């Protein structure tokens, strides 16, 4: 972690530097010391503005606060920066934990060994590619294949569906509940 201070129309006192370092401890715990900070303190008439810019990986977070006191401005800007950092990490965490979309599905055909106990064993295993299709395109694909079913990702709902040919010759569509 590197902290750069810039004072515009004012001197950055050692007290403000210490205060900033103390307030950055929470950010240090969140971001694990892998960031750089630039603090700009500006004095204009009766206004004191604090602008804190944080560089973390490929992200830039900025907190700006303007009050009558430099310490309160710095505190407000650091609070804004902390909220942004927590939001950024939460967004990364939720994006990372999403399941990857299935690109193929495994279909097992079950057969019976003994009729009296109804035990099943896998006779045949096939892999089906899952392509994004509309229902009409899936019907066309079903007509052109030798298999009696098509597994596809419905383009409208983004869910995996199964289209199959029933024994009476009609078509059946299996959709998961929302």
C-alpha atoms as a PDB file:
ATOM      1  CA  UNK A   1       0.000   0.000   0.000  1.00  0.00           C
ATOM      2  CA  UNK A   2       1.343   3.375  -0.989  1.00  0.00           C
ATOM      3  CA  UNK A   3      -0.280   6.637   0.107  1.00  0.00           C
ATOM      4  CA  UNK A   4       0.441   9.883  -1.746  1.00  0.00           C
ATOM      5  CA  UNK A   5      -0.714  13.206  -0.295  1.00  0.00           C
ATOM      6  CA  UNK A   6      -1.261  16.402  -2.248  1.00  0.00           C
ATOM      7  CA  UNK A   7      -2.253  19.683  -0.622  1.00  0.00           C
ATOM      8  CA  UNK A   8      -3.741  22.427  -2.764  1.00  0.00           C
ATOM      9  CA  UNK A   9      -3.743  25.829  -1.079  1.00  0.00           C
ATOM     10  CA  UNK A  10      -3.072  24.090   2.243  1.00  0.00           C
ATOM     11  CA  UNK A  11      -0.369  22.155   4.041  1.00  0.00           C
ATOM     12  CA  UNK A  12      -1.069  18.471   4.799  1.00  0.00           C
ATOM     13  CA  UNK A  13      -0.228  18.150   8.485  1.00  0.00           C
ATOM     14  CA  UNK A  14       1.301  15.010  10.043  1.00  0.00           C
ATOM     15  CA  UNK A  15      -1.892  14.768  12.125  1.00  0.00           C
ATOM     16  CA  UNK A  16      -4.030  14.424   8.961  1.00  0.00           C
ATOM     17  CA  UNK A  17      -1.575  11.865   7.573  1.00  0.00           C
ATOM     18  CA  UNK A  18      -1.841   9.749  10.750  1.00  0.00           C
ATOM     19  CA  UNK A  19      -5.630  10.098  10.774  1.00  0.00           C
ATOM     20  CA  UNK A  20      -5.792   8.892   7.138  1.00  0.00           C
ATOM     21  CA  UNK A  21      -3.566   5.885   7.858  1.00  0.00           C
ATOM     22  CA  UNK A  22      -5.703   4.922  10.866  1.00  0.00           C
ATOM     23  CA  UNK A  23      -8.915   5.149   8.839  1.00  0.00           C
ATOM     24  CA  UNK A  24      -7.409   3.014   6.048  1.00  0.00           C
ATOM     25  CA  UNK A  25      -6.944  -0.005   8.318  1.00  0.00           C
ATOM     26  CA  UNK A  26     -10.386  -1.384   7.426  1.00  0.00           C
ATOM     27  CA  UNK A  27      -9.634  -1.016   3.708  1.00  0.00           C
ATOM     28  CA  UNK A  28      -6.311  -2.743   4.291  1.00  0.00           C
ATOM     29  CA  UNK A  29      -8.147  -5.719   5.788  1.00  0.00           C
ATOM     30  CA  UNK A  30     -10.619  -5.792   2.887  1.00  0.00           C
ATOM     31  CA  UNK A  31      -8.176  -5.348   0.000  1.00  0.00           C
ATOM     32  CA  UNK A  32      -5.121  -6.992   1.634  1.00  0.00           C
ATOM     33  CA  UNK A  33      -2.559  -4.227   1.078  1.00  0.00           C
ATOM     34  CA  UNK A  34      -2.734  -4.523  -2.727  1.00  0.00           C
ATOM     35  CA  UNK A  35      -3.764  -0.981  -3.551  1.00  0.00           C
ATOM     36  CA  UNK A  36      -2.396   2.542  -3.971  1.00  0.00           C
ATOM     37  CA  UNK A  37      -4.078   5.683  -2.657  1.00  0.00           C
ATOM     38  CA  UNK A  38      -3.801   9.310  -3.682  1.00  0.00           C
ATOM     39  CA  UNK A  39      -5.272  11.843  -1.238  1.00  0.00           C
ATOM     40  CA  UNK A  40      -5.858  15.395  -2.485  1.00  0.00           C
ATOM     41  CA  UNK A  41      -6.834  18.022   0.101  1.00  0.00           C
ATOM     42  CA  UNK A  42      -8.004  21.375  -1.231  1.00  0.00           C
ATOM     43  CA  UNK A  43      -8.786  24.628   0.606  1.00  0.00           C
ATOM     44  CA  UNK A  44     -11.039  27.227  -1.057  1.00  0.00           C
ATOM     45  CA  UNK A  45     -12.349  30.110   1.038  1.00  0.00           C
ATOM     46  CA  UNK A  46     -14.393  28.333   3.751  1.00  0.00           C
ATOM     47  CA  UNK A  47     -14.588  24.966   2.016  1.00  0.00           C
ATOM     48  CA  UNK A  48     -12.270  22.019   2.549  1.00  0.00           C
ATOM     49  CA  UNK A  49     -12.463  19.300  -0.100  1.00  0.00           C
ATOM     50  CA  UNK A  50     -10.978  15.818   0.220  1.00  0.00           C
ATOM     51  CA  UNK A  51     -10.629  13.627  -2.868  1.00  0.00           C
ATOM     52  CA  UNK A  52      -9.352  10.101  -2.274  1.00  0.00           C
ATOM     53  CA  UNK A  53      -8.508   7.923  -5.295  1.00  0.00           C
ATOM     54  CA  UNK A  54      -7.835   4.212  -4.788  1.00  0.00           C
ATOM     55  CA  UNK A  55      -6.223   2.011  -7.457  1.00  0.00           C
ATOM     56  CA  UNK A  56      -7.026  -1.684  -6.872  1.00  0.00           C
ATOM     57  CA  UNK A  57      -6.085  -4.173  -9.584  1.00  0.00           C
ATOM     58  CA  UNK A  58      -7.849  -2.822 -12.674  1.00  0.00           C
ATOM     59  CA  UNK A  59     -10.408  -0.759 -10.719  1.00  0.00           C
ATOM     60  CA  UNK A  60     -10.322   2.885  -9.710  1.00  0.00           C
ATOM     61  CA  UNK A  61     -12.481   3.979  -6.772  1.00  0.00           C
ATOM     62  CA  UNK A  62     -12.973   7.675  -5.963  1.00  0.00           C
ATOM     63  CA  UNK A  63     -14.476   9.300  -2.881  1.00  0.00           C
ATOM     64  CA  UNK A  64     -15.027  13.093  -2.744  1.00  0.00           C
ATOM     65  CA  UNK A  65     -16.369  15.060   0.206  1.00  0.00           C
ATOM     66  CA  UNK A  66     -16.637  18.809   0.762  1.00  0.00           C
ATOM     67  CA  UNK A  67     -17.225  20.349   4.216  1.00  0.00           C
ATOM     68  CA  UNK A  68     -15.910  23.201   6.327  1.00  0.00           C
ATOM     69  CA  UNK A  69     -13.314  21.038   8.114  1.00  0.00           C
ATOM     70  CA  UNK A  70     -10.505  19.058   6.452  1.00  0.00           C
ATOM     71  CA  UNK A  71     -10.779  16.139   8.894  1.00  0.00           C
ATOM     72  CA  UNK A  72     -14.544  15.737   8.341  1.00  0.00           C
ATOM     73  CA  UNK A  73     -14.049  15.954   4.572  1.00  0.00           C
ATOM     74  CA  UNK A  74     -11.391  13.278   4.744  1.00  0.00           C
ATOM     75  CA  UNK A  75     -13.606  11.093   6.927  1.00  0.00           C
ATOM     76  CA  UNK A  76     -16.571  11.384   4.526  1.00  0.00           C
ATOM     77  CA  UNK A  77     -14.426  10.628   1.475  1.00  0.00           C
ATOM     78  CA  UNK A  78     -12.937   7.551   3.162  1.00  0.00           C
ATOM     79  CA  UNK A  79     -16.418   6.345   4.174  1.00  0.00           C
ATOM     80  CA  UNK A  80     -17.542   6.578   0.545  1.00  0.00           C
ATOM     81  CA  UNK A  81     -14.432   4.712  -0.535  1.00  0.00           C
ATOM     82  CA  UNK A  82     -15.058   1.915   1.963  1.00  0.00           C
ATOM     83  CA  UNK A  83     -18.647   1.465   0.763  1.00  0.00           C
ATOM     84  CA  UNK A  84     -17.456   1.281  -2.838  1.00  0.00           C
ATOM     85  CA  UNK A  85     -14.784  -1.287  -1.957  1.00  0.00           C
ATOM     86  CA  UNK A  86     -17.272  -3.497  -0.081  1.00  0.00           C
ATOM     87  CA  UNK A  87     -19.700  -3.297  -3.028  1.00  0.00           C
ATOM     88  CA  UNK A  88     -16.906  -4.162  -5.494  1.00  0.00           C
ATOM     89  CA  UNK A  89     -15.806  -7.210  -3.499  1.00  0.00           C
ATOM     90  CA  UNK A  90     -19.395  -8.396  -3.021  1.00  0.00           C
ATOM     91  CA  UNK A  91     -20.016  -8.101  -6.751  1.00  0.00           C
ATOM     92  CA  UNK A  92     -16.884 -10.095  -7.543  1.00  0.00           C
ATOM     93  CA  UNK A  93     -17.813 -12.744  -4.984  1.00  0.00           C
ATOM     94  CA  UNK A  94     -21.354 -13.280  -6.328  1.00  0.00           C
ATOM     95  CA  UNK A  95     -20.196 -13.306  -9.931  1.00  0.00           C
ATOM     96  CA  UNK A  96     -17.557 -15.885  -9.101  1.00  0.00           C
ATOM     97  CA  UNK A  97     -19.964 -18.285  -7.387  1.00  0.00           C
ATOM     98  CA  UNK A  98     -22.479 -18.592 -10.176  1.00  0.00           C
ATOM     99  CA  UNK A  99     -22.623 -22.067 -11.683  1.00  0.00           C
ATOM    100  CA  UNK A 100     -21.262 -22.355 -15.178  1.00  0.00           C
ATOM    101  CA  UNK A 101     -23.925 -22.995 -17.823  1.00  0.00           C
ATOM    102  CA  UNK A 102     -24.126 -26.607 -18.938  1.00  0.00           C
ATOM    103  CA  UNK A 103     -22.848 -27.215 -22.438  1.00  0.00           C
ATOM    104  CA  UNK A 104     -23.554 -30.952 -22.572  1.00  0.00           C
ATOM    105  CA  UNK A 105     -25.870 -33.291 -20.720  1.00  0.00           C
ATOM    106  CA  UNK A 106     -25.356 -36.964 -19.948  1.00  0.00           C
ATOM    107  CA  UNK A 107     -28.313 -39.260 -20.692  1.00  0.00           C
ATOM    108  CA  UNK A 108     -28.404 -42.702 -19.084  1.00  0.00           C
ATOM    109  CA  UNK A 109     -30.754 -45.364 -20.412  1.00  0.00           C
ATOM    110  CA  UNK A 110     -31.824 -47.701 -17.595  1.00  0.00           C
ATOM    111  CA  UNK A 111     -32.708 -51.347 -17.985  1.00  0.00           C
ATOM    112  CA  UNK A 112     -34.036 -53.934 -15.511  1.00  0.00           C
ATOM    113  CA  UNK A 113     -31.975 -56.899 -14.350  1.00  0.00           C
ATOM    114  CA  UNK A 114     -34.649 -58.748 -12.433  1.00  0.00           C
ATOM    115  CA  UNK A 115     -38.308 -57.978 -12.695  1.00  0.00           C
ATOM    116  CA  UNK A 116     -39.179 -59.004  -9.122  1.00  0.00           C
ATOM    117  CA  UNK A 117     -36.894 -56.493  -7.354  1.00  0.00           C
ATOM    118  CA  UNK A 118     -37.095 -53.692  -9.922  1.00  0.00           C
ATOM    119  CA  UNK A 119     -33.320 -53.074  -9.857  1.00  0.00           C
ATOM    120  CA  UNK A 120     -31.963 -50.862 -12.648  1.00  0.00           C
ATOM    121  CA  UNK A 121     -28.613 -50.725 -14.321  1.00  0.00           C
ATOM    122  CA  UNK A 122     -27.214 -48.361 -16.948  1.00  0.00           C
ATOM    123  CA  UNK A 123     -27.246 -49.956 -20.390  1.00  0.00           C
ATOM    124  CA  UNK A 124     -26.154 -47.073 -22.547  1.00  0.00           C
ATOM    125  CA  UNK A 125     -24.723 -43.581 -22.024  1.00  0.00           C
ATOM    126  CA  UNK A 126     -24.781 -40.788 -24.578  1.00  0.00           C
ATOM    127  CA  UNK A 127     -23.683 -37.173 -24.464  1.00  0.00           C
ATOM    128  CA  UNK A 128     -25.895 -34.509 -26.018  1.00  0.00           C
ATOM    129  CA  UNK A 129     -24.642 -31.039 -26.895  1.00  0.00           C
ATOM    130  CA  UNK A 130     -26.868 -28.319 -25.474  1.00  0.00           C
ATOM    131  CA  UNK A 131     -27.449 -25.578 -28.011  1.00  0.00           C
ATOM    132  CA  UNK A 132     -29.538 -22.445 -27.562  1.00  0.00           C
ATOM    133  CA  UNK A 133     -32.620 -23.005 -29.747  1.00  0.00           C
ATOM    134  CA  UNK A 134     -36.193 -21.852 -29.955  1.00  0.00           C
ATOM    135  CA  UNK A 135     -38.926 -24.487 -29.640  1.00  0.00           C
ATOM    136  CA  UNK A 136     -39.566 -24.346 -33.410  1.00  0.00           C
ATOM    137  CA  UNK A 137     -35.876 -24.949 -34.167  1.00  0.00           C
ATOM    138  CA  UNK A 138     -35.852 -27.848 -31.696  1.00  0.00           C
ATOM    139  CA  UNK A 139     -38.826 -29.410 -33.536  1.00  0.00           C
ATOM    140  CA  UNK A 140     -36.917 -29.145 -36.833  1.00  0.00           C
ATOM    141  CA  UNK A 141     -33.848 -30.715 -35.182  1.00  0.00           C
ATOM    142  CA  UNK A 142     -35.975 -33.546 -33.762  1.00  0.00           C
ATOM    143  CA  UNK A 143     -37.366 -34.297 -37.227  1.00  0.00           C
ATOM    144  CA  UNK A 144     -33.859 -34.577 -38.683  1.00  0.00           C
ATOM    145  CA  UNK A 145     -32.346 -36.811 -35.950  1.00  0.00           C
ATOM    146  CA  UNK A 146     -32.683 -40.561 -35.448  1.00  0.00           C
ATOM    147  CA  UNK A 147     -33.066 -40.115 -31.678  1.00  0.00           C
ATOM    148  CA  UNK A 148     -36.489 -39.571 -30.237  1.00  0.00           C
ATOM    149  CA  UNK A 149     -35.461 -36.517 -28.214  1.00  0.00           C
ATOM    150  CA  UNK A 150     -33.607 -33.184 -28.346  1.00  0.00           C
ATOM    151  CA  UNK A 151     -32.013 -31.523 -25.332  1.00  0.00           C
ATOM    152  CA  UNK A 152     -31.631 -27.752 -25.822  1.00  0.00           C
ATOM    153  CA  UNK A 153     -31.359 -24.441 -23.999  1.00  0.00           C
ATOM    154  CA  UNK A 154     -34.547 -22.503 -24.635  1.00  0.00           C
ATOM    155  CA  UNK A 155     -33.581 -19.153 -26.174  1.00  0.00           C
ATOM    156  CA  UNK A 156     -36.554 -17.415 -24.528  1.00  0.00           C
ATOM    157  CA  UNK A 157     -36.182 -18.693 -20.938  1.00  0.00           C
ATOM    158  CA  UNK A 158     -32.437 -19.607 -20.885  1.00  0.00           C
ATOM    159  CA  UNK A 159     -33.335 -22.942 -19.248  1.00  0.00           C
ATOM    160  CA  UNK A 160     -32.555 -26.461 -20.389  1.00  0.00           C
ATOM    161  CA  UNK A 161     -35.579 -28.154 -22.031  1.00  0.00           C
ATOM    162  CA  UNK A 162     -36.176 -31.609 -23.479  1.00  0.00           C
ATOM    163  CA  UNK A 163     -38.324 -32.181 -26.556  1.00  0.00           C
ATOM    164  CA  UNK A 164     -39.277 -35.810 -27.244  1.00  0.00           C
ATOM    165  CA  UNK A 165     -41.528 -37.841 -29.528  1.00  0.00           C
ATOM    166  CA  UNK A 166     -44.265 -39.730 -27.678  1.00  0.00           C
ATOM    167  CA  UNK A 167     -45.473 -43.219 -28.560  1.00  0.00           C
ATOM    168  CA  UNK A 168     -48.639 -41.799 -30.149  1.00  0.00           C
ATOM    169  CA  UNK A 169     -46.499 -39.701 -32.532  1.00  0.00           C
ATOM    170  CA  UNK A 170     -47.104 -36.359 -30.836  1.00  0.00           C
ATOM    171  CA  UNK A 171     -44.369 -34.227 -29.294  1.00  0.00           C
ATOM    172  CA  UNK A 172     -43.758 -33.675 -25.578  1.00  0.00           C
ATOM    173  CA  UNK A 173     -41.813 -30.770 -24.075  1.00  0.00           C
ATOM    174  CA  UNK A 174     -40.198 -30.962 -20.609  1.00  0.00           C
ATOM    175  CA  UNK A 175     -39.509 -27.565 -19.020  1.00  0.00           C
ATOM    176  CA  UNK A 176     -38.121 -26.956 -15.515  1.00  0.00           C
ATOM    177  CA  UNK A 177     -40.203 -24.890 -13.118  1.00  0.00           C
ATOM    178  CA  UNK A 178     -39.117 -21.260 -12.704  1.00  0.00           C
END
